[in-house]
Protein backbone atom coordinates (compact mmCIF):
# COMPACT_ATOMS: atom_id res chain seq x y z
CA MET A 1 -18.01 -4.75 -8.51
CA ARG A 2 -14.24 -4.41 -9.54
CA PHE A 3 -13.27 -5.45 -5.95
CA ALA A 4 -15.52 -8.11 -5.09
CA GLY A 5 -13.59 -10.95 -3.37
CA LYS A 6 -11.15 -8.49 -2.24
CA VAL A 7 -10.19 -7.42 0.93
CA ALA A 8 -8.93 -3.90 2.11
CA VAL A 9 -7.62 -2.46 5.13
CA VAL A 10 -7.72 1.57 5.28
CA THR A 11 -5.93 2.93 8.43
CA GLY A 12 -7.23 6.25 9.95
CA SER A 13 -10.62 5.42 8.50
CA GLY A 14 -12.84 5.80 11.68
CA ARG A 15 -13.69 9.18 11.57
CA GLU A 16 -17.09 10.22 10.16
CA GLY A 17 -16.92 12.72 7.28
CA GLY A 18 -13.27 12.19 7.00
CA LEU A 19 -11.26 11.17 4.10
CA GLY A 20 -10.53 7.56 5.21
CA GLU A 21 -14.34 7.03 5.60
CA ALA A 22 -14.79 8.25 1.98
CA ILE A 23 -11.89 5.79 0.82
CA ALA A 24 -13.46 2.80 2.78
CA ARG A 25 -17.04 3.53 1.48
CA ARG A 26 -15.83 3.58 -2.20
CA LEU A 27 -13.98 0.56 -2.17
CA SER A 28 -16.92 -1.25 -0.26
CA GLU A 29 -19.29 -0.21 -2.75
CA GLU A 30 -17.35 -1.76 -5.59
CA GLY A 31 -17.57 -4.83 -3.59
CA ALA A 32 -14.48 -4.93 -1.42
CA THR A 33 -14.67 -6.28 2.22
CA VAL A 34 -13.17 -3.52 4.34
CA VAL A 35 -11.33 -3.34 7.72
CA ILE A 36 -12.23 -0.19 9.54
CA SER A 37 -9.35 1.13 11.47
CA ASP A 38 -8.44 4.06 13.63
CA ILE A 39 -6.81 4.64 16.82
CA GLY A 40 -10.44 4.33 18.82
CA ALA A 41 -9.16 6.59 21.79
CA SER A 42 -6.62 9.32 22.75
CA ARG A 43 -3.39 8.00 23.70
CA ASP A 44 -1.34 11.05 24.44
CA ALA A 45 -1.20 14.77 23.86
CA ALA A 46 -0.47 14.05 19.98
CA THR A 47 -3.92 12.08 19.43
CA PRO A 48 -6.66 14.41 21.09
CA ASP A 49 -10.14 12.79 20.79
CA THR A 50 -11.19 15.57 18.58
CA MET A 51 -8.77 14.50 15.84
CA ILE A 52 -9.10 10.82 15.96
CA GLY A 53 -11.61 8.08 15.13
CA SER A 54 -13.46 6.56 18.17
CA THR A 55 -14.25 2.83 18.50
CA ASP A 56 -17.89 3.83 18.39
CA GLU A 57 -17.45 5.87 15.10
CA MET A 58 -15.56 3.08 13.79
CA LYS A 59 -18.45 0.63 14.53
CA ARG A 60 -20.93 2.97 12.73
CA ILE A 61 -18.98 3.54 9.60
CA ALA A 62 -18.43 -0.24 9.26
CA ASP A 63 -22.20 -0.86 10.04
CA SER A 64 -23.24 1.69 7.33
CA LEU A 65 -20.87 0.16 4.47
CA PRO A 66 -22.88 -1.72 1.70
CA SER A 67 -20.22 -4.73 1.73
CA GLU A 68 -18.85 -6.96 4.61
CA ALA A 69 -16.95 -4.75 7.23
CA SER A 70 -15.03 -4.98 10.40
CA THR A 71 -13.30 -2.78 12.65
CA PHE A 72 -9.91 -3.06 14.43
CA PRO A 73 -8.27 -0.39 16.55
CA CYS A 74 -4.43 0.13 15.79
CA ASP A 75 -2.03 2.73 16.71
CA VAL A 76 0.02 3.01 13.68
CA ARG A 77 2.88 4.31 15.46
CA ASP A 78 3.27 0.67 17.11
CA PRO A 79 4.54 -1.95 14.59
CA VAL A 80 3.21 -4.57 16.77
CA GLN A 81 -0.36 -3.22 16.38
CA VAL A 82 0.00 -2.74 12.74
CA GLU A 83 1.08 -6.27 12.18
CA ALA A 84 -1.95 -7.46 14.29
CA LEU A 85 -4.09 -5.49 11.86
CA ALA A 86 -2.81 -7.09 8.91
CA ASP A 87 -3.33 -10.67 11.00
CA HIS A 88 -6.75 -9.50 11.79
CA ALA A 89 -7.56 -8.76 7.97
CA VAL A 90 -6.16 -12.38 6.78
CA ALA A 91 -8.08 -14.44 9.72
CA THR A 92 -11.21 -12.69 9.75
CA HIS A 93 -11.75 -12.35 6.04
CA GLY A 94 -9.45 -14.78 4.39
CA SER A 95 -6.87 -12.45 2.61
CA LEU A 96 -5.45 -9.12 2.27
CA ASP A 97 -5.56 -7.68 -1.08
CA ILE A 98 -5.74 -4.00 -0.58
CA TRP A 99 -3.73 -1.80 1.99
CA VAL A 100 -4.51 1.97 2.30
CA ASN A 101 -2.25 4.10 4.54
CA ASN A 102 -4.43 6.89 5.31
CA ALA A 103 -3.72 7.52 9.15
CA GLY A 104 -2.06 10.64 9.61
CA ILE A 105 -1.38 14.01 11.71
CA GLY A 106 -2.17 17.08 10.04
CA TYR A 107 -3.28 19.30 12.87
CA ILE A 108 0.29 20.02 14.45
CA MET A 109 1.05 23.28 12.78
CA LYS A 110 3.31 25.91 14.46
CA PRO A 111 6.11 28.51 13.28
CA LEU A 112 9.27 26.68 12.87
CA VAL A 113 11.11 27.86 15.94
CA ASP A 114 8.16 26.70 18.24
CA VAL A 115 8.03 23.20 17.03
CA SER A 116 9.09 21.14 19.84
CA VAL A 117 10.92 17.70 19.58
CA ASP A 118 7.69 15.61 20.51
CA ASP A 119 5.64 17.82 18.04
CA TRP A 120 8.20 16.46 15.38
CA ARG A 121 8.22 12.93 16.22
CA ALA A 122 4.61 12.63 16.71
CA VAL A 123 4.18 13.65 13.05
CA ILE A 124 6.82 11.52 11.71
CA ASP A 125 5.79 8.67 13.96
CA VAL A 126 2.33 8.38 12.24
CA ASN A 127 2.73 9.87 9.00
CA LEU A 128 5.96 8.34 7.96
CA ASN A 129 6.75 5.48 10.38
CA GLY A 130 3.17 4.31 10.56
CA ALA A 131 2.98 4.22 6.65
CA TRP A 132 6.26 2.28 6.44
CA TYR A 133 4.82 -0.37 9.11
CA GLY A 134 1.89 -0.77 7.05
CA LEU A 135 3.49 -1.16 3.76
CA GLN A 136 5.72 -3.90 5.55
CA ALA A 137 3.08 -5.72 6.95
CA ALA A 138 0.64 -5.61 4.01
CA ALA A 139 3.74 -6.95 1.76
CA LYS A 140 4.62 -9.56 3.62
CA ARG A 141 1.17 -11.22 3.73
CA MET A 142 0.58 -10.49 0.00
CA ILE A 143 3.98 -12.10 -0.87
CA ALA A 144 2.83 -15.14 1.32
CA ALA A 145 -0.36 -15.44 -0.50
CA GLY A 146 1.22 -15.12 -4.05
CA LYS A 147 -1.56 -13.32 -5.48
CA GLY A 148 -0.16 -9.83 -5.95
CA GLY A 149 -1.98 -6.83 -4.42
CA ARG A 150 -2.20 -3.03 -3.85
CA ILE A 151 -0.42 -0.63 -1.46
CA ILE A 152 -1.38 3.00 -1.47
CA ASN A 153 -0.17 5.69 0.89
CA VAL A 154 -2.40 8.94 1.26
CA ALA A 155 0.49 11.32 0.91
CA SER A 156 -0.72 15.16 0.07
CA GLN A 157 0.30 17.90 -2.26
CA ALA A 158 2.83 18.54 0.62
CA ALA A 159 4.80 15.45 -0.97
CA LYS A 160 5.43 17.95 -3.76
CA SER A 161 5.66 21.29 -2.15
CA GLY A 162 6.20 23.12 0.86
CA PHE A 163 4.09 24.76 3.07
CA MET A 164 4.45 27.44 6.30
CA HIS A 165 3.94 26.09 9.77
CA ALA A 166 4.17 22.45 8.21
CA GLN A 167 8.13 21.41 8.59
CA ALA A 168 7.51 18.01 10.05
CA TYR A 169 4.05 17.39 7.74
CA THR A 170 5.94 18.30 4.88
CA SER A 171 8.78 16.30 5.42
CA SER A 172 6.86 13.13 6.50
CA LYS A 173 4.91 13.27 3.04
CA HIS A 174 8.05 14.09 0.74
CA ALA A 175 9.68 10.79 2.27
CA LEU A 176 6.64 8.98 1.01
CA VAL A 177 7.66 9.88 -2.28
CA GLY A 178 10.95 7.92 -1.79
CA LEU A 179 9.39 5.21 -0.05
CA VAL A 180 7.29 4.04 -2.80
CA ARG A 181 9.78 4.32 -5.54
CA SER A 182 11.70 2.15 -3.83
CA ALA A 183 9.36 -0.21 -2.42
CA SER A 184 7.87 -0.64 -6.00
CA ILE A 185 11.24 -2.03 -7.22
CA GLU A 186 11.29 -4.73 -4.87
CA LEU A 187 7.57 -5.56 -4.81
CA GLY A 188 6.95 -5.24 -8.48
CA PRO A 189 8.20 -8.90 -9.26
CA GLU A 190 5.79 -9.96 -6.61
CA GLY A 191 2.82 -8.27 -8.65
CA ILE A 192 2.54 -5.80 -5.78
CA THR A 193 2.00 -2.10 -6.80
CA VAL A 194 2.90 0.73 -4.36
CA ASN A 195 1.84 4.08 -4.92
CA ASN A 196 1.03 7.48 -3.46
CA VAL A 197 -2.03 9.79 -4.10
CA CYS A 198 -1.26 13.74 -3.46
CA PRO A 199 -4.57 15.48 -2.69
CA ASN A 200 -4.58 19.29 -2.21
CA HIS A 201 -6.80 20.69 0.51
CA VAL A 202 -9.98 18.72 1.37
CA THR A 203 -12.23 20.23 3.81
CA THR A 204 -12.96 17.16 6.13
CA GLY A 205 -13.02 17.88 10.11
CA LEU A 206 -9.25 18.15 9.94
CA GLY A 207 -9.51 20.46 6.72
CA LYS A 208 -12.14 22.78 8.55
CA TRP A 209 -9.39 23.13 11.46
CA GLN A 210 -6.77 23.83 8.91
CA ASN A 211 -8.81 26.45 7.36
CA GLU A 212 -9.57 28.31 10.73
CA HIS A 213 -5.53 27.97 11.40
CA PHE A 214 -4.28 29.66 8.41
CA ALA A 215 -7.05 32.10 7.99
CA GLU A 216 -6.15 33.14 11.37
CA VAL A 217 -1.95 33.23 10.71
CA GLN A 218 -2.89 35.14 7.62
CA GLY A 219 -5.36 37.73 9.27
CA ILE A 220 -8.43 37.14 7.35
CA SER A 221 -11.60 35.21 7.57
CA VAL A 222 -12.36 31.56 6.62
CA GLU A 223 -14.47 32.91 3.96
CA GLU A 224 -11.64 35.07 2.33
CA TYR A 225 -9.31 32.14 3.04
CA LEU A 226 -11.54 29.75 1.20
CA LYS A 227 -12.14 32.52 -1.70
CA ARG A 228 -7.98 32.59 -2.27
CA MET A 229 -7.82 29.04 -2.17
CA ALA A 230 -10.24 28.50 -5.01
CA ALA A 231 -8.64 31.31 -7.21
CA ARG A 232 -5.47 29.43 -7.33
CA ILE A 233 -6.90 26.22 -8.34
CA PRO A 234 -7.39 25.76 -12.05
CA MET A 235 -10.59 23.60 -11.44
CA GLY A 236 -11.99 26.45 -9.24
CA ARG A 237 -12.52 24.53 -5.75
CA PRO A 238 -10.75 22.62 -3.18
CA GLY A 239 -10.74 18.87 -3.34
CA LEU A 240 -13.64 16.58 -2.20
CA PRO A 241 -13.04 13.08 -0.27
CA GLN A 242 -14.65 11.66 -3.09
CA ASP A 243 -11.91 12.96 -5.54
CA THR A 244 -9.45 11.08 -3.63
CA ALA A 245 -11.27 8.10 -2.97
CA SER A 246 -11.91 7.80 -6.77
CA ALA A 247 -8.23 8.00 -7.47
CA ILE A 248 -7.49 5.29 -4.92
CA ALA A 249 -10.22 3.23 -6.70
CA PHE A 250 -8.45 3.37 -9.85
CA LEU A 251 -5.00 2.55 -8.47
CA CYS A 252 -6.73 -0.72 -6.87
CA SER A 253 -8.14 -1.72 -9.99
CA ASP A 254 -6.80 -4.19 -12.58
CA GLU A 255 -6.80 -1.06 -15.12
CA ALA A 256 -3.91 0.20 -12.78
CA ILE A 257 -2.20 -3.07 -13.10
CA TYR A 258 1.23 -1.39 -14.66
CA ILE A 259 1.34 1.50 -12.62
CA THR A 260 3.77 1.63 -9.52
CA GLY A 261 6.12 3.85 -7.93
CA GLU A 262 3.97 6.96 -8.50
CA SER A 263 2.70 9.91 -6.63
CA MET A 264 -0.34 10.95 -8.39
CA ASN A 265 -1.68 14.44 -7.92
CA VAL A 266 -5.42 14.88 -7.18
CA SER A 267 -5.24 18.65 -6.98
CA GLY A 268 -7.60 20.19 -9.76
CA GLY A 269 -4.33 21.27 -11.23
CA GLU A 270 -3.11 23.16 -8.32
CA GLU A 271 -0.10 20.95 -7.98
CA PRO A 272 1.73 20.63 -11.51
CA HIS A 273 4.71 18.06 -10.71
C-alpha cells in the first residue's frame, strides 16, 4: 500500500476500459484516494460523446475502486475548472499529493492539408494547455502544503517521433518534454517531481479507433495492421493499459524520489530514445 494516505487526481479517467481508468485503479489498489475526472458530457464538435468519459461512467469507475474515490467533471481546456478540480481534491480529501495529466485528444487525425485551425487548436488546448493548467494548479497546492508531490503527464511515443496524420498531436506531445524539463528545475527544491510517461500504441477505445483509421489509410485490414505493428515492437505486442499504469505507479512512489524532468518510454523497445 505505497500510496496509503495520498490523494491523487487523474484527468481523463472517466472512460471505462480507458488508460485513465487503469491508472486510477492501480493507484487505488495501492491505497491512494483518487479523484476521477473527465469532461462528463460533450461540449462541442471536438469532444464527441463517443470519445469522452460521461458523468455516469465516472461514477461507475469511482464506485468500483477499492479505495476511497470521488468524481469531479472538468474540461481541462478551462483553467478555472482545473483550479476547481484541484480545490475539490484538497477540500474533499484533505490534500493533493499526485496529479496525473491524462486527458487528451488522439482522435483528430487528418492529412496535413486538411487540418483546420479549429482542429489544431482543439488538440493543443487539451493535450498541451490542459497539461500546463493541471501542472500549475497542482504545483501551487503542493508548494502550499510543503510535503512535496508527484506530477506526471501521459505523453506518448509521439513525444519522441513523428507520425502521419498527427501533426497537432505530435507537436503537443513533443512540447510536454520541454514542459517537464523546465518545470522540474523550479519544482525540485520543493520536493515535487515532474515527469512524462511515453507509451506506444495502447488498444483502448481510442486505440481501437486509431487502428481502424490507420488501417483504412494504408488500405489494409485491421488484423494486418496489428500484425505489422507487433512485428516492429521488440517485445512482440502493443502496450497494455497496465504497462503505463505500472510506470506511473513507480514514478509516484518513494523509489522514484530522485527521478524528475524525464520522459520515460513505455514502448516495449519500439521507441529507443
